């Protein structure tokens, strides 16, 4: 993720649900590769609750969701226009 962050087009941010208790999501995506209306309508509203990644998957009205710790798969999917979401301090699964 750090290498991808060098691109001006790469976006990464944390939700502010509860940073102190590590109940937040980190979101990563390429701005020009995703449709912003999908992000705003079908993803961001669900990030206001403290779902685990597995629970979040069952809530999101988005197809082709997967949880992985394979960094090459995560990078490949980001470059294809997917969004990566991490929960709390879990730095391996997206």
PDB file of N, CA and C in Angstrom:
ATOM      1  N   UNK A   1       0.840  -1.198   0.000  1.00  0.00           N
ATOM      2  CA  UNK A   1       0.000   0.000   0.000  1.00  0.00           C
ATOM      3  C   UNK A   1       0.880   1.255   0.000  1.00  0.00           C
ATOM      4  N   UNK A   2       1.978   1.210   0.723  1.00  0.00           N
ATOM      5  CA  UNK A   2       2.848   2.386   0.775  1.00  0.00           C
ATOM      6  C   UNK A   2       3.375   2.755  -0.608  1.00  0.00           C
ATOM      7  N   UNK A   3       3.719   1.754  -1.398  1.00  0.00           N
ATOM      8  CA  UNK A   3       4.224   2.012  -2.756  1.00  0.00           C
ATOM      9  C   UNK A   3       3.125   2.635  -3.620  1.00  0.00           C
ATOM     10  N   UNK A   4       1.899   2.129  -3.484  1.00  0.00           N
ATOM     11  CA  UNK A   4       0.778   2.664  -4.266  1.00  0.00           C
ATOM     12  C   UNK A   4       0.465   4.101  -3.876  1.00  0.00           C
ATOM     13  N   UNK A   5       0.717   4.440  -2.631  1.00  0.00           N
ATOM     14  CA  UNK A   5       0.409   5.781  -2.118  1.00  0.00           C
ATOM     15  C   UNK A   5       1.206   6.874  -2.804  1.00  0.00           C
ATOM     16  N   UNK A   6       2.253   6.511  -3.505  1.00  0.00           N
ATOM     17  CA  UNK A   6       3.062   7.513  -4.202  1.00  0.00           C
ATOM     18  C   UNK A   6       2.319   8.140  -5.375  1.00  0.00           C
ATOM     19  N   UNK A   7       1.270   7.470  -5.849  1.00  0.00           N
ATOM     20  CA  UNK A   7       0.468   7.999  -6.946  1.00  0.00           C
ATOM     21  C   UNK A   7      -0.492   9.065  -6.426  1.00  0.00           C
ATOM     22  N   UNK A   8      -0.602  10.175  -7.129  1.00  0.00           N
ATOM     23  CA  UNK A   8      -1.550  11.229  -6.755  1.00  0.00           C
ATOM     24  C   UNK A   8      -2.988  10.777  -6.886  1.00  0.00           C
ATOM     25  N   UNK A   9      -3.209   9.721  -7.642  1.00  0.00           N
ATOM     26  CA  UNK A   9      -4.540   9.204  -7.894  1.00  0.00           C
ATOM     27  C   UNK A   9      -4.994   8.213  -6.822  1.00  0.00           C
ATOM     28  N   UNK A  10      -4.065   7.759  -5.991  1.00  0.00           N
ATOM     29  CA  UNK A  10      -4.376   6.758  -4.978  1.00  0.00           C
ATOM     30  C   UNK A  10      -4.903   7.440  -3.724  1.00  0.00           C
ATOM     31  N   UNK A  11      -6.046   6.970  -3.248  1.00  0.00           N
ATOM     32  CA  UNK A  11      -6.695   7.550  -2.079  1.00  0.00           C
ATOM     33  C   UNK A  11      -6.641   6.544  -0.938  1.00  0.00           C
ATOM     34  N   UNK A  12      -6.268   7.016   0.239  1.00  0.00           N
ATOM     35  CA  UNK A  12      -6.357   6.193   1.442  1.00  0.00           C
ATOM     36  C   UNK A  12      -6.827   7.076   2.578  1.00  0.00           C
ATOM     37  N   UNK A  13      -7.792   6.579   3.331  1.00  0.00           N
ATOM     38  CA  UNK A  13      -8.279   7.329   4.480  1.00  0.00           C
ATOM     39  C   UNK A  13      -8.862   6.368   5.504  1.00  0.00           C
ATOM     40  N   UNK A  14      -9.023   6.870   6.717  1.00  0.00           N
ATOM     41  CA  UNK A  14      -9.624   6.099   7.796  1.00  0.00           C
ATOM     42  C   UNK A  14     -10.948   6.737   8.162  1.00  0.00           C
ATOM     43  N   UNK A  15     -11.933   5.890   8.435  1.00  0.00           N
ATOM     44  CA  UNK A  15     -13.178   6.410   8.969  1.00  0.00           C
ATOM     45  C   UNK A  15     -12.909   6.826  10.403  1.00  0.00           C
ATOM     46  N   UNK A  16     -13.744   7.646  10.943  1.00  0.00           N
ATOM     47  CA  UNK A  16     -13.498   8.145  12.295  1.00  0.00           C
ATOM     48  C   UNK A  16     -14.472   7.580  13.313  1.00  0.00           C
ATOM     49  N   UNK A  17     -14.960   6.366  13.110  1.00  0.00           N
ATOM     50  CA  UNK A  17     -15.918   5.759  14.036  1.00  0.00           C
ATOM     51  C   UNK A  17     -15.409   5.805  15.472  1.00  0.00           C
ATOM     52  N   UNK A  18     -14.285   5.155  15.727  1.00  0.00           N
ATOM     53  CA  UNK A  18     -13.746   5.092  17.075  1.00  0.00           C
ATOM     54  C   UNK A  18     -12.266   4.756  16.984  1.00  0.00           C
ATOM     55  N   UNK A  19     -11.468   5.725  16.606  1.00  0.00           N
ATOM     56  CA  UNK A  19     -10.038   5.508  16.410  1.00  0.00           C
ATOM     57  C   UNK A  19      -9.350   5.050  17.696  1.00  0.00           C
ATOM     58  N   UNK A  20      -9.803   5.570  18.817  1.00  0.00           N
ATOM     59  CA  UNK A  20      -9.170   5.234  20.091  1.00  0.00           C
ATOM     60  C   UNK A  20      -9.295   3.748  20.421  1.00  0.00           C
ATOM     61  N   UNK A  21     -10.433   3.154  20.108  1.00  0.00           N
ATOM     62  CA  UNK A  21     -10.658   1.730  20.390  1.00  0.00           C
ATOM     63  C   UNK A  21     -10.374   0.845  19.186  1.00  0.00           C
ATOM     64  N   UNK A  22      -9.726   1.395  18.187  1.00  0.00           N
ATOM     65  CA  UNK A  22      -9.341   0.649  16.979  1.00  0.00           C
ATOM     66  C   UNK A  22     -10.550   0.093  16.223  1.00  0.00           C
ATOM     67  N   UNK A  23     -11.670   0.782  16.320  1.00  0.00           N
ATOM     68  CA  UNK A  23     -12.886   0.394  15.598  1.00  0.00           C
ATOM     69  C   UNK A  23     -13.088   1.364  14.442  1.00  0.00           C
ATOM     70  N   UNK A  24     -12.306   1.191  13.422  1.00  0.00           N
ATOM     71  CA  UNK A  24     -12.375   2.066  12.261  1.00  0.00           C
ATOM     72  C   UNK A  24     -12.039   1.242  11.030  1.00  0.00           C
ATOM     73  N   UNK A  25     -12.336   1.809   9.876  1.00  0.00           N
ATOM     74  CA  UNK A  25     -11.990   1.177   8.609  1.00  0.00           C
ATOM     75  C   UNK A  25     -10.953   2.033   7.897  1.00  0.00           C
ATOM     76  N   UNK A  26     -10.019   1.372   7.251  1.00  0.00           N
ATOM     77  CA  UNK A  26      -9.084   2.046   6.348  1.00  0.00           C
ATOM     78  C   UNK A  26      -9.523   1.691   4.941  1.00  0.00           C
ATOM     79  N   UNK A  27      -9.683   2.694   4.095  1.00  0.00           N
ATOM     80  CA  UNK A  27     -10.184   2.496   2.735  1.00  0.00           C
ATOM     81  C   UNK A  27      -9.105   2.933   1.761  1.00  0.00           C
ATOM     82  N   UNK A  28      -8.899   2.113   0.715  1.00  0.00           N
ATOM     83  CA  UNK A  28      -7.889   2.386  -0.302  1.00  0.00           C
ATOM     84  C   UNK A  28      -8.503   2.185  -1.677  1.00  0.00           C
ATOM     85  N   UNK A  29      -8.235   3.104  -2.588  1.00  0.00           N
ATOM     86  CA  UNK A  29      -8.705   2.956  -3.963  1.00  0.00           C
ATOM     87  C   UNK A  29      -8.026   3.982  -4.863  1.00  0.00           C
ATOM     88  N   UNK A  30      -8.124   3.728  -6.166  1.00  0.00           N
ATOM     89  CA  UNK A  30      -7.665   4.698  -7.161  1.00  0.00           C
ATOM     90  C   UNK A  30      -8.868   5.524  -7.599  1.00  0.00           C
ATOM     91  N   UNK A  31      -8.773   6.814  -7.407  1.00  0.00           N
ATOM     92  CA  UNK A  31      -9.872   7.740  -7.686  1.00  0.00           C
ATOM     93  C   UNK A  31     -10.407   7.611  -9.113  1.00  0.00           C
ATOM     94  N   UNK A  32      -9.542   7.438 -10.092  1.00  0.00           N
ATOM     95  CA  UNK A  32      -9.991   7.397 -11.487  1.00  0.00           C
ATOM     96  C   UNK A  32     -10.487   6.018 -11.920  1.00  0.00           C
ATOM     97  N   UNK A  33     -10.356   5.011 -11.049  1.00  0.00           N
ATOM     98  CA  UNK A  33     -10.752   3.657 -11.436  1.00  0.00           C
ATOM     99  C   UNK A  33     -12.070   3.205 -10.821  1.00  0.00           C
ATOM    100  N   UNK A  34     -12.642   4.002  -9.933  1.00  0.00           N
ATOM    101  CA  UNK A  34     -13.920   3.618  -9.344  1.00  0.00           C
ATOM    102  C   UNK A  34     -14.979   4.665  -9.669  1.00  0.00           C
ATOM    103  N   UNK A  35     -16.219   4.243  -9.595  1.00  0.00           N
ATOM    104  CA  UNK A  35     -17.327   5.186  -9.780  1.00  0.00           C
ATOM    105  C   UNK A  35     -17.690   5.741  -8.409  1.00  0.00           C
ATOM    106  N   UNK A  36     -17.543   7.043  -8.252  1.00  0.00           N
ATOM    107  CA  UNK A  36     -17.740   7.660  -6.943  1.00  0.00           C
ATOM    108  C   UNK A  36     -19.142   7.441  -6.391  1.00  0.00           C
ATOM    109  N   UNK A  37     -20.149   7.365  -7.272  1.00  0.00           N
ATOM    110  CA  UNK A  37     -21.515   7.166  -6.780  1.00  0.00           C
ATOM    111  C   UNK A  37     -21.677   5.794  -6.131  1.00  0.00           C
ATOM    112  N   UNK A  38     -20.970   4.798  -6.623  1.00  0.00           N
ATOM    113  CA  UNK A  38     -21.024   3.480  -5.989  1.00  0.00           C
ATOM    114  C   UNK A  38     -20.386   3.556  -4.606  1.00  0.00           C
ATOM    115  N   UNK A  39     -19.249   4.211  -4.509  1.00  0.00           N
ATOM    116  CA  UNK A  39     -18.572   4.356  -3.224  1.00  0.00           C
ATOM    117  C   UNK A  39     -19.478   5.072  -2.224  1.00  0.00           C
ATOM    118  N   UNK A  40     -20.080   6.178  -2.641  1.00  0.00           N
ATOM    119  CA  UNK A  40     -20.896   6.977  -1.727  1.00  0.00           C
ATOM    120  C   UNK A  40     -22.231   6.335  -1.398  1.00  0.00           C
ATOM    121  N   UNK A  41     -22.834   5.640  -2.348  1.00  0.00           N
ATOM    122  CA  UNK A  41     -24.164   5.069  -2.134  1.00  0.00           C
ATOM    123  C   UNK A  41     -24.139   3.654  -1.580  1.00  0.00           C
ATOM    124  N   UNK A  42     -23.157   2.854  -1.980  1.00  0.00           N
ATOM    125  CA  UNK A  42     -23.207   1.432  -1.654  1.00  0.00           C
ATOM    126  C   UNK A  42     -22.111   0.956  -0.704  1.00  0.00           C
ATOM    127  N   UNK A  43     -21.167   1.802  -0.364  1.00  0.00           N
ATOM    128  CA  UNK A  43     -20.085   1.366   0.539  1.00  0.00           C
ATOM    129  C   UNK A  43     -20.029   2.243   1.794  1.00  0.00           C
ATOM    130  N   UNK A  44     -19.819   3.530   1.635  1.00  0.00           N
ATOM    131  CA  UNK A  44     -19.601   4.410   2.785  1.00  0.00           C
ATOM    132  C   UNK A  44     -20.711   4.363   3.842  1.00  0.00           C
ATOM    133  N   UNK A  45     -21.992   4.280   3.478  1.00  0.00           N
ATOM    134  CA  UNK A  45     -23.019   4.230   4.529  1.00  0.00           C
ATOM    135  C   UNK A  45     -22.865   3.043   5.482  1.00  0.00           C
ATOM    136  N   UNK A  46     -22.279   1.954   5.027  1.00  0.00           N
ATOM    137  CA  UNK A  46     -22.119   0.761   5.861  1.00  0.00           C
ATOM    138  C   UNK A  46     -20.893   0.840   6.764  1.00  0.00           C
ATOM    139  N   UNK A  47     -20.052   1.816   6.550  1.00  0.00           N
ATOM    140  CA  UNK A  47     -18.835   1.932   7.338  1.00  0.00           C
ATOM    141  C   UNK A  47     -19.030   2.763   8.600  1.00  0.00           C
ATOM    142  N   UNK A  48     -20.261   3.077   8.925  1.00  0.00           N
ATOM    143  CA  UNK A  48     -20.550   3.817  10.150  1.00  0.00           C
ATOM    144  C   UNK A  48     -20.773   2.875  11.324  1.00  0.00           C
ATOM    145  N   UNK A  49     -20.889   1.587  11.060  1.00  0.00           N
ATOM    146  CA  UNK A  49     -21.064   0.583  12.109  1.00  0.00           C
ATOM    147  C   UNK A  49     -19.776  -0.213  12.236  1.00  0.00           C
ATOM    148  N   UNK A  50     -19.590  -0.863  13.340  1.00  0.00           N
ATOM    149  CA  UNK A  50     -18.374  -1.620  13.591  1.00  0.00           C
ATOM    150  C   UNK A  50     -18.527  -3.087  13.201  1.00  0.00           C
ATOM    151  N   UNK A  51     -18.748  -3.333  11.924  1.00  0.00           N
ATOM    152  CA  UNK A  51     -18.818  -4.691  11.417  1.00  0.00           C
ATOM    153  C   UNK A  51     -17.403  -5.254  11.259  1.00  0.00           C
ATOM    154  N   UNK A  52     -17.242  -6.551  11.492  1.00  0.00           N
ATOM    155  CA  UNK A  52     -16.007  -7.201  11.088  1.00  0.00           C
ATOM    156  C   UNK A  52     -16.017  -7.238   9.565  1.00  0.00           C
ATOM    157  N   UNK A  53     -14.892  -7.550   8.952  1.00  0.00           N
ATOM    158  CA  UNK A  53     -14.868  -7.622   7.486  1.00  0.00           C
ATOM    159  C   UNK A  53     -15.853  -8.655   6.975  1.00  0.00           C
ATOM    160  N   UNK A  54     -15.932  -9.796   7.647  1.00  0.00           N
ATOM    161  CA  UNK A  54     -16.860 -10.849   7.213  1.00  0.00           C
ATOM    162  C   UNK A  54     -18.303 -10.371   7.307  1.00  0.00           C
ATOM    163  N   UNK A  55     -18.653  -9.716   8.404  1.00  0.00           N
ATOM    164  CA  UNK A  55     -20.012  -9.182   8.557  1.00  0.00           C
ATOM    165  C   UNK A  55     -20.279  -8.064   7.559  1.00  0.00           C
ATOM    166  N   UNK A  56     -19.280  -7.238   7.319  1.00  0.00           N
ATOM    167  CA  UNK A  56     -19.428  -6.153   6.354  1.00  0.00           C
ATOM    168  C   UNK A  56     -19.729  -6.704   4.964  1.00  0.00           C
ATOM    169  N   UNK A  57     -19.067  -7.797   4.599  1.00  0.00           N
ATOM    170  CA  UNK A  57     -19.304  -8.420   3.286  1.00  0.00           C
ATOM    171  C   UNK A  57     -20.766  -8.795   3.100  1.00  0.00           C
ATOM    172  N   UNK A  58     -21.396  -9.293   4.160  1.00  0.00           N
ATOM    173  CA  UNK A  58     -22.791  -9.720   4.044  1.00  0.00           C
ATOM    174  C   UNK A  58     -23.748  -8.531   3.985  1.00  0.00           C
ATOM    175  N   UNK A  59     -23.294  -7.355   4.383  1.00  0.00           N
ATOM    176  CA  UNK A  59     -24.140  -6.164   4.384  1.00  0.00           C
ATOM    177  C   UNK A  59     -24.043  -5.339   3.102  1.00  0.00           C
ATOM    178  N   UNK A  60     -22.875  -5.321   2.496  1.00  0.00           N
ATOM    179  CA  UNK A  60     -22.657  -4.470   1.320  1.00  0.00           C
ATOM    180  C   UNK A  60     -23.426  -4.980   0.101  1.00  0.00           C
ATOM    181  N   UNK A  61     -24.145  -4.093  -0.571  1.00  0.00           N
ATOM    182  CA  UNK A  61     -24.872  -4.486  -1.779  1.00  0.00           C
ATOM    183  C   UNK A  61     -23.972  -4.415  -3.020  1.00  0.00           C
ATOM    184  N   UNK A  62     -22.782  -4.982  -2.908  1.00  0.00           N
ATOM    185  CA  UNK A  62     -21.801  -4.946  -3.981  1.00  0.00           C
ATOM    186  C   UNK A  62     -21.410  -6.378  -4.305  1.00  0.00           C
ATOM    187  N   UNK A  63     -21.250  -6.679  -5.591  1.00  0.00           N
ATOM    188  CA  UNK A  63     -20.855  -8.021  -5.993  1.00  0.00           C
ATOM    189  C   UNK A  63     -19.336  -8.147  -5.988  1.00  0.00           C
ATOM    190  N   UNK A  64     -18.875  -9.378  -6.103  1.00  0.00           N
ATOM    191  CA  UNK A  64     -17.451  -9.700  -6.219  1.00  0.00           C
ATOM    192  C   UNK A  64     -16.648  -9.226  -5.015  1.00  0.00           C
ATOM    193  N   UNK A  65     -17.096  -9.579  -3.826  1.00  0.00           N
ATOM    194  CA  UNK A  65     -16.381  -9.248  -2.608  1.00  0.00           C
ATOM    195  C   UNK A  65     -15.552 -10.445  -2.167  1.00  0.00           C
ATOM    196  N   UNK A  66     -14.387 -10.176  -1.636  1.00  0.00           N
ATOM    197  CA  UNK A  66     -13.526 -11.240  -1.122  1.00  0.00           C
ATOM    198  C   UNK A  66     -12.675 -10.698   0.010  1.00  0.00           C
ATOM    199  N   UNK A  67     -12.315 -11.562   0.935  1.00  0.00           N
ATOM    200  CA  UNK A  67     -11.378 -11.204   1.998  1.00  0.00           C
ATOM    201  C   UNK A  67     -10.093 -11.978   1.735  1.00  0.00           C
ATOM    202  N   UNK A  68      -8.980 -11.273   1.753  1.00  0.00           N
ATOM    203  CA  UNK A  68      -7.702 -11.916   1.492  1.00  0.00           C
ATOM    204  C   UNK A  68      -6.588 -11.210   2.257  1.00  0.00           C
ATOM    205  N   UNK A  69      -5.536 -11.954   2.514  1.00  0.00           N
ATOM    206  CA  UNK A  69      -4.327 -11.350   3.093  1.00  0.00           C
ATOM    207  C   UNK A  69      -3.175 -11.415   2.089  1.00  0.00           C
ATOM    208  N   UNK A  70      -3.502 -11.837   0.872  1.00  0.00           N
ATOM    209  CA  UNK A  70      -2.510 -11.944  -0.204  1.00  0.00           C
ATOM    210  C   UNK A  70      -2.266 -10.543  -0.787  1.00  0.00           C
ATOM    211  N   UNK A  71      -1.138  -9.944  -0.433  1.00  0.00           N
ATOM    212  CA  UNK A  71      -0.872  -8.555  -0.841  1.00  0.00           C
ATOM    213  C   UNK A  71      -0.821  -8.397  -2.358  1.00  0.00           C
ATOM    214  N   UNK A  72      -0.333  -9.388  -3.085  1.00  0.00           N
ATOM    215  CA  UNK A  72      -0.296  -9.262  -4.549  1.00  0.00           C
ATOM    216  C   UNK A  72      -1.707  -9.260  -5.125  1.00  0.00           C
ATOM    217  N   UNK A  73      -2.611 -10.028  -4.531  1.00  0.00           N
ATOM    218  CA  UNK A  73      -4.007 -10.037  -4.986  1.00  0.00           C
ATOM    219  C   UNK A  73      -4.671  -8.693  -4.664  1.00  0.00           C
ATOM    220  N   UNK A  74      -4.376  -8.153  -3.496  1.00  0.00           N
ATOM    221  CA  UNK A  74      -4.948  -6.857  -3.110  1.00  0.00           C
ATOM    222  C   UNK A  74      -4.488  -5.772  -4.080  1.00  0.00           C
ATOM    223  N   UNK A  75      -3.207  -5.741  -4.372  1.00  0.00           N
ATOM    224  CA  UNK A  75      -2.664  -4.744  -5.303  1.00  0.00           C
ATOM    225  C   UNK A  75      -3.258  -4.925  -6.694  1.00  0.00           C
ATOM    226  N   UNK A  76      -3.351  -6.164  -7.147  1.00  0.00           N
ATOM    227  CA  UNK A  76      -3.921  -6.446  -8.463  1.00  0.00           C
ATOM    228  C   UNK A  76      -5.364  -5.946  -8.545  1.00  0.00           C
ATOM    229  N   UNK A  77      -6.152  -6.225  -7.512  1.00  0.00           N
ATOM    230  CA  UNK A  77      -7.556  -5.789  -7.503  1.00  0.00           C
ATOM    231  C   UNK A  77      -7.662  -4.262  -7.454  1.00  0.00           C
ATOM    232  N   UNK A  78      -6.803  -3.618  -6.678  1.00  0.00           N
ATOM    233  CA  UNK A  78      -6.817  -2.153  -6.638  1.00  0.00           C
ATOM    234  C   UNK A  78      -6.534  -1.572  -8.016  1.00  0.00           C
ATOM    235  N   UNK A  79      -5.587  -2.163  -8.721  1.00  0.00           N
ATOM    236  CA  UNK A  79      -5.236  -1.687 -10.062  1.00  0.00           C
ATOM    237  C   UNK A  79      -6.328  -1.976 -11.092  1.00  0.00           C
ATOM    238  N   UNK A  80      -7.268  -2.868 -10.752  1.00  0.00           N
ATOM    239  CA  UNK A  80      -8.401  -3.170 -11.623  1.00  0.00           C
ATOM    240  C   UNK A  80      -9.632  -2.332 -11.281  1.00  0.00           C
ATOM    241  N   UNK A  81      -9.511  -1.464 -10.265  1.00  0.00           N
ATOM    242  CA  UNK A  81     -10.623  -0.584  -9.928  1.00  0.00           C
ATOM    243  C   UNK A  81     -11.433  -1.013  -8.722  1.00  0.00           C
ATOM    244  N   UNK A  82     -10.928  -1.931  -7.950  1.00  0.00           N
ATOM    245  CA  UNK A  82     -11.606  -2.349  -6.728  1.00  0.00           C
ATOM    246  C   UNK A  82     -11.206  -1.424  -5.588  1.00  0.00           C
ATOM    247  N   UNK A  83     -11.939  -1.522  -4.492  1.00  0.00           N
ATOM    248  CA  UNK A  83     -11.640  -0.806  -3.269  1.00  0.00           C
ATOM    249  C   UNK A  83     -11.183  -1.812  -2.227  1.00  0.00           C
ATOM    250  N   UNK A  84     -10.148  -1.491  -1.479  1.00  0.00           N
ATOM    251  CA  UNK A  84      -9.694  -2.344  -0.382  1.00  0.00           C
ATOM    252  C   UNK A  84     -10.129  -1.710   0.927  1.00  0.00           C
ATOM    253  N   UNK A  85     -10.644  -2.532   1.824  1.00  0.00           N
ATOM    254  CA  UNK A  85     -11.097  -2.059   3.133  1.00  0.00           C
ATOM    255  C   UNK A  85     -10.449  -2.932   4.201  1.00  0.00           C
ATOM    256  N   UNK A  86      -9.823  -2.292   5.177  1.00  0.00           N
ATOM    257  CA  UNK A  86      -9.270  -2.979   6.340  1.00  0.00           C
ATOM    258  C   UNK A  86     -10.048  -2.535   7.565  1.00  0.00           C
ATOM    259  N   UNK A  87     -10.156  -3.441   8.551  1.00  0.00           N
ATOM    260  CA  UNK A  87     -10.858  -3.096   9.784  1.00  0.00           C
ATOM    261  C   UNK A  87      -9.876  -2.980  10.932  1.00  0.00           C
ATOM    262  N   UNK A  88      -9.880  -1.844  11.612  1.00  0.00           N
ATOM    263  CA  UNK A  88      -9.065  -1.642  12.792  1.00  0.00           C
ATOM    264  C   UNK A  88      -7.581  -1.832  12.539  1.00  0.00           C
ATOM    265  N   UNK A  89      -6.954  -2.512  13.447  1.00  0.00           N
ATOM    266  CA  UNK A  89      -5.518  -2.720  13.361  1.00  0.00           C
ATOM    267  C   UNK A  89      -5.150  -3.982  12.595  1.00  0.00           C
ATOM    268  N   UNK A  90      -6.098  -4.665  11.998  1.00  0.00           N
ATOM    269  CA  UNK A  90      -5.812  -5.862  11.221  1.00  0.00           C
ATOM    270  C   UNK A  90      -5.151  -5.420   9.917  1.00  0.00           C
ATOM    271  N   UNK A  91      -3.842  -5.510   9.868  1.00  0.00           N
ATOM    272  CA  UNK A  91      -3.095  -5.015   8.719  1.00  0.00           C
ATOM    273  C   UNK A  91      -2.892  -6.052   7.646  1.00  0.00           C
ATOM    274  N   UNK A  92      -3.447  -7.258   7.833  1.00  0.00           N
ATOM    275  CA  UNK A  92      -3.226  -8.288   6.831  1.00  0.00           C
ATOM    276  C   UNK A  92      -4.437  -8.515   5.948  1.00  0.00           C
ATOM    277  N   UNK A  93      -5.630  -8.523   6.515  1.00  0.00           N
ATOM    278  CA  UNK A  93      -6.829  -8.829   5.729  1.00  0.00           C
ATOM    279  C   UNK A  93      -7.466  -7.566   5.159  1.00  0.00           C
ATOM    280  N   UNK A  94      -7.867  -7.676   3.897  1.00  0.00           N
ATOM    281  CA  UNK A  94      -8.612  -6.600   3.223  1.00  0.00           C
ATOM    282  C   UNK A  94      -9.826  -7.231   2.578  1.00  0.00           C
TER     283      UNK A  94
END
